[in-house]
Amino acid sequence: MSLAARFSLQGQTALVTGGAKGIGAAISRTLAQAGATVVIADLDQTAGEALAAALGGRFAPLDVTDWDACAALARREHPDVLVANAGIVHNAPTATVDPADWRRVIDVNLTGVFHSLRAFGPGMAHRGSGACVVTSSICGEVAVWPQPQAAYNAAKAGVNLLVKSTALEWASQGVRVNAVAPGYTATELTLAGRSKQDWFEVWMQRTPMGRLGDPQEIADPVLFLASPAASYITGTILTVDGGYTAA
């Protein structure tokens, strides 16, 4: 197999949750460039439809916290590649966070990943092949600071073990399950933190490369994990953080 073929998704369908903006949009574009037909599953219909049209793909409205909606979409779409990317963040100290906000963060970032895997993974297993890539975070590996975000950190830590556990369950059925764990990246999700100079200074001090990541720098590792080039990789959390967790 040629080098180009090892990184190709030609003839495959890739479904990306939260694929309309930010890291998700970069992932959608990259998988399309690799030859996949991309299904963008997102709550943002305007952005999702526009990007899907530009990529020659499809848009599907989806709230990953809604199990019935995920199951219904899985009856219509049968992707070869699933990227469970949808996520939100909420900054609040543990002592004062509203329990409803806590539940929302867990529901989107952890339960939403479970719903996505649960909906689309069994079909992959039945067909005997598939690749699932989850967007985790360095926040699942270390408790980042100074922003107070225990709910997000806890959700991403849970995601990491969900990925590893599911990878073990599905390995013998030809389905690989991995994650990327981005560091601080220039997206809307980090905009609130980047606007706080004291937070941003700490982020950069603790990132040896001294800069934010670009969404494309996350999308490329996702393509790798989704492609035949990663055919012997499952249960791995691939950290992409400019050295943050190595320091």
Protein backbone atom coordinates (compact mmCIF):
# COMPACT_ATOMS: atom_id res chain seq x y z
CA MET A 1 0.00 0.00 0.00
CA SER A 2 1.40 3.40 -0.98
CA LEU A 3 1.95 6.19 1.52
CA ALA A 4 -0.96 8.14 0.04
CA ALA A 5 -3.24 5.11 0.32
CA ARG A 6 -2.31 4.56 3.96
CA PHE A 7 -3.67 8.01 4.81
CA SER A 8 -6.63 7.88 2.43
CA LEU A 9 -10.30 7.61 3.37
CA GLN A 10 -11.42 7.32 -0.24
CA GLY A 11 -14.80 5.64 -0.52
CA GLN A 12 -15.53 5.90 3.19
CA THR A 13 -18.15 7.85 5.10
CA ALA A 14 -17.06 9.84 8.16
CA LEU A 15 -19.54 11.27 10.66
CA VAL A 16 -18.28 14.15 12.81
CA THR A 17 -20.31 15.32 15.80
CA GLY A 18 -19.81 18.99 16.53
CA GLY A 19 -18.33 19.16 13.06
CA ALA A 20 -19.55 22.59 12.02
CA LYS A 21 -17.11 24.89 13.80
CA GLY A 22 -13.73 25.07 15.49
CA ILE A 23 -11.73 21.86 15.74
CA GLY A 24 -14.72 19.96 14.40
CA ALA A 25 -14.81 22.01 11.21
CA ALA A 26 -11.09 21.47 10.68
CA ILE A 27 -11.63 17.74 11.15
CA SER A 28 -14.54 17.74 8.69
CA ARG A 29 -12.45 19.53 6.05
CA THR A 30 -9.46 17.27 6.56
CA LEU A 31 -11.41 14.02 6.33
CA ALA A 32 -13.10 15.31 3.17
CA GLN A 33 -9.69 16.17 1.70
CA ALA A 34 -8.64 12.59 2.45
CA GLY A 35 -11.51 11.34 0.29
CA ALA A 36 -14.29 10.70 2.79
CA THR A 37 -17.90 11.68 2.37
CA VAL A 38 -18.43 13.71 5.53
CA VAL A 39 -21.63 13.84 7.54
CA ILE A 40 -21.59 16.88 9.83
CA ALA A 41 -23.79 16.21 12.87
CA ASP A 42 -24.26 19.42 14.82
CA LEU A 43 -26.77 21.68 16.54
CA ASP A 44 -25.69 24.65 14.40
CA GLN A 45 -27.74 24.07 11.27
CA THR A 46 -26.63 27.22 9.44
CA ALA A 47 -22.90 26.60 9.82
CA GLY A 48 -23.28 22.86 9.40
CA GLU A 49 -25.26 23.03 6.18
CA ALA A 50 -22.88 25.58 4.69
CA LEU A 51 -19.79 23.53 5.47
CA ALA A 52 -21.37 20.27 4.36
CA ALA A 53 -22.32 21.85 1.03
CA ALA A 54 -18.79 23.18 0.57
CA LEU A 55 -17.35 19.73 1.23
CA GLY A 56 -19.85 17.82 -0.87
CA GLY A 57 -21.11 16.07 2.24
CA ARG A 58 -24.29 15.98 4.28
CA PHE A 59 -25.62 17.77 7.35
CA ALA A 60 -27.60 16.10 10.11
CA PRO A 61 -29.01 18.07 13.05
CA LEU A 62 -27.97 16.31 16.25
CA ASP A 63 -27.95 16.89 19.99
CA VAL A 64 -25.56 14.27 21.34
CA THR A 65 -27.26 14.39 24.74
CA ASP A 66 -30.44 12.99 23.13
CA TRP A 67 -30.09 9.22 22.92
CA ASP A 68 -33.17 8.76 20.76
CA ALA A 69 -31.81 11.29 18.24
CA CYS A 70 -28.44 9.52 18.12
CA ALA A 71 -30.08 6.14 17.63
CA ALA A 72 -32.33 7.51 14.89
CA LEU A 73 -29.36 9.00 13.04
CA ALA A 74 -27.53 5.67 13.29
CA ARG A 75 -30.43 4.02 11.50
CA ARG A 76 -29.92 6.42 8.57
CA GLU A 77 -26.15 6.79 8.50
CA HIS A 78 -23.65 3.94 8.65
CA PRO A 79 -20.23 5.60 8.87
CA ASP A 80 -16.90 3.86 8.48
CA VAL A 81 -15.36 6.57 10.65
CA LEU A 82 -16.93 8.22 13.68
CA VAL A 83 -15.41 11.35 15.21
CA ALA A 84 -17.09 12.13 18.53
CA ASN A 85 -16.07 15.75 18.84
CA ALA A 86 -19.04 17.68 20.24
CA GLY A 87 -18.17 19.50 23.46
CA ILE A 88 -18.78 22.50 25.69
CA VAL A 89 -16.94 24.11 28.59
CA HIS A 90 -18.22 25.90 31.69
CA ASN A 91 -15.92 27.69 34.11
CA ALA A 92 -17.11 27.70 37.72
CA PRO A 93 -15.58 26.69 41.07
CA THR A 94 -16.73 23.39 42.54
CA ALA A 95 -18.06 25.19 45.61
CA THR A 96 -20.41 27.40 43.62
CA VAL A 97 -21.12 25.69 40.29
CA ASP A 98 -24.82 25.25 39.61
CA PRO A 99 -25.62 21.51 39.57
CA ALA A 100 -27.54 22.04 36.33
CA ASP A 101 -24.40 23.46 34.69
CA TRP A 102 -22.38 20.52 36.02
CA ARG A 103 -24.85 18.05 34.54
CA ARG A 104 -24.89 19.84 31.19
CA VAL A 105 -21.09 19.65 30.89
CA ILE A 106 -21.09 15.96 31.80
CA ASP A 107 -24.05 15.25 29.52
CA VAL A 108 -22.43 16.80 26.44
CA ASN A 109 -18.78 15.90 26.96
CA LEU A 110 -19.05 12.42 28.48
CA THR A 111 -22.54 11.03 27.98
CA GLY A 112 -22.60 12.51 24.48
CA VAL A 113 -19.50 10.50 23.59
CA PHE A 114 -21.10 7.37 25.05
CA HIS A 115 -24.26 7.99 23.02
CA SER A 116 -22.19 8.42 19.86
CA LEU A 117 -20.17 5.26 20.40
CA ARG A 118 -23.22 3.29 21.49
CA ALA A 119 -25.22 4.40 18.45
CA PHE A 120 -22.67 3.90 15.69
CA GLY A 121 -20.16 1.38 17.07
CA PRO A 122 -22.34 -1.74 16.96
CA GLY A 123 -22.95 -1.26 13.24
CA MET A 124 -19.21 -1.04 12.66
CA ALA A 125 -18.70 -4.20 14.70
CA HIS A 126 -21.39 -6.00 12.70
CA ARG A 127 -19.63 -5.01 9.46
CA GLY A 128 -16.27 -6.05 10.92
CA SER A 129 -14.44 -2.74 10.60
CA GLY A 130 -14.50 0.88 11.70
CA ALA A 131 -12.54 3.65 13.34
CA CYS A 132 -13.79 5.84 16.18
CA VAL A 133 -11.84 8.92 17.21
CA VAL A 134 -12.92 10.96 20.23
CA THR A 135 -11.88 14.52 21.00
CA SER A 136 -10.69 14.45 24.60
CA SER A 137 -8.40 17.07 26.18
CA ILE A 138 -5.29 17.55 28.26
CA CYS A 139 -7.88 18.35 30.95
CA GLY A 140 -8.53 14.61 31.13
CA GLU A 141 -4.89 14.02 32.04
CA VAL A 142 -4.06 16.93 34.35
CA ALA A 143 -6.14 19.42 36.33
CA VAL A 144 -5.42 22.58 34.36
CA TRP A 145 -5.16 25.95 36.07
CA PRO A 146 -6.05 28.79 36.74
CA GLN A 147 -9.55 28.46 35.26
CA PRO A 148 -11.99 26.61 37.56
CA GLN A 149 -13.55 23.84 35.47
CA ALA A 150 -13.83 20.68 37.52
CA ALA A 151 -16.85 19.49 35.53
CA TYR A 152 -15.00 19.68 32.21
CA ASN A 153 -11.88 18.06 33.66
CA ALA A 154 -13.92 15.23 35.17
CA ALA A 155 -15.82 14.67 31.93
CA LYS A 156 -12.66 14.44 29.85
CA ALA A 157 -11.01 12.09 32.36
CA GLY A 158 -14.08 9.90 32.02
CA VAL A 159 -13.84 10.08 28.25
CA ASN A 160 -10.30 8.71 28.34
CA LEU A 161 -11.32 5.56 30.21
CA LEU A 162 -14.47 5.21 28.11
CA VAL A 163 -12.22 5.18 25.04
CA LYS A 164 -9.86 2.60 26.51
CA SER A 165 -12.69 0.39 27.80
CA THR A 166 -14.58 0.45 24.52
CA ALA A 167 -11.39 -0.20 22.56
CA LEU A 168 -10.87 -3.41 24.53
CA GLU A 169 -14.45 -4.50 23.93
CA TRP A 170 -14.42 -3.93 20.17
CA ALA A 171 -10.84 -4.79 19.17
CA SER A 172 -11.67 -8.37 18.20
CA GLN A 173 -14.52 -7.11 16.00
CA GLY A 174 -12.30 -4.92 13.84
CA VAL A 175 -13.29 -1.59 15.38
CA ARG A 176 -10.58 0.74 16.66
CA VAL A 177 -11.32 3.39 19.30
CA ASN A 178 -8.83 6.17 20.04
CA ALA A 179 -8.79 9.79 21.16
CA VAL A 180 -6.86 12.97 20.60
CA ALA A 181 -6.21 15.16 23.64
CA PRO A 182 -5.65 18.74 22.48
CA GLY A 183 -3.92 21.37 24.53
CA TYR A 184 -4.93 25.01 24.34
CA THR A 185 -6.16 25.63 20.82
CA ALA A 186 -7.35 28.79 19.05
CA THR A 187 -11.10 28.12 18.93
CA GLU A 188 -14.32 29.65 20.24
CA LEU A 189 -14.17 27.18 23.14
CA THR A 190 -11.03 28.84 24.53
CA LEU A 191 -12.06 32.40 23.66
CA ALA A 192 -13.33 33.26 27.16
CA GLY A 193 -10.08 32.12 28.72
CA ARG A 194 -7.93 33.83 26.12
CA SER A 195 -9.69 37.11 26.90
CA LYS A 196 -8.48 36.89 30.52
CA GLN A 197 -4.87 38.01 30.36
CA ASP A 198 -3.87 36.41 33.67
CA TRP A 199 -5.23 33.04 32.56
CA PHE A 200 -3.67 33.27 29.11
CA GLU A 201 -0.25 34.12 30.53
CA VAL A 202 -0.32 31.00 32.70
CA TRP A 203 -1.39 28.86 29.74
CA MET A 204 1.53 30.07 27.66
CA GLN A 205 4.02 29.80 30.52
CA ARG A 206 3.04 26.16 30.96
CA THR A 207 3.12 25.35 27.24
CA PRO A 208 6.78 24.78 26.26
CA MET A 209 6.12 25.70 22.63
CA GLY A 210 4.75 29.02 23.86
CA ARG A 211 1.73 29.29 21.58
CA LEU A 212 -1.81 28.10 21.00
CA GLY A 213 -2.44 25.15 18.75
CA ASP A 214 -4.18 25.62 15.43
CA PRO A 215 -7.30 23.51 14.79
CA GLN A 216 -5.56 21.97 11.78
CA GLU A 217 -2.87 20.67 14.13
CA ILE A 218 -5.58 18.66 15.87
CA ALA A 219 -7.36 17.57 12.70
CA ASP A 220 -4.24 15.99 11.18
CA PRO A 221 -3.74 13.53 14.09
CA VAL A 222 -7.46 12.69 13.88
CA LEU A 223 -6.97 11.77 10.22
CA PHE A 224 -4.01 9.60 11.18
CA LEU A 225 -6.03 7.71 13.81
CA ALA A 226 -8.95 7.28 11.41
CA SER A 227 -6.79 6.06 8.53
CA PRO A 228 -5.24 2.70 7.61
CA ALA A 229 -1.90 4.15 8.78
CA ALA A 230 -3.11 3.58 12.37
CA SER A 231 -4.44 0.06 11.75
CA TYR A 232 -2.57 -1.38 14.79
CA ILE A 233 -3.52 1.43 17.17
CA THR A 234 -6.49 1.21 19.51
CA GLY A 235 -7.16 2.39 23.06
CA THR A 236 -4.66 5.23 22.68
CA ILE A 237 -5.01 8.83 23.86
CA LEU A 238 -2.83 10.88 21.49
CA THR A 239 -1.84 14.10 23.24
CA VAL A 240 -1.38 17.15 21.00
CA ASP A 241 -0.50 19.98 23.37
CA GLY A 242 2.74 21.76 22.50
CA GLY A 243 4.45 19.95 25.37
CA TYR A 244 2.05 21.07 28.14
CA THR A 245 1.70 17.67 29.83
CA ALA A 246 5.39 16.83 29.40
CA ALA A 247 6.56 19.76 31.50
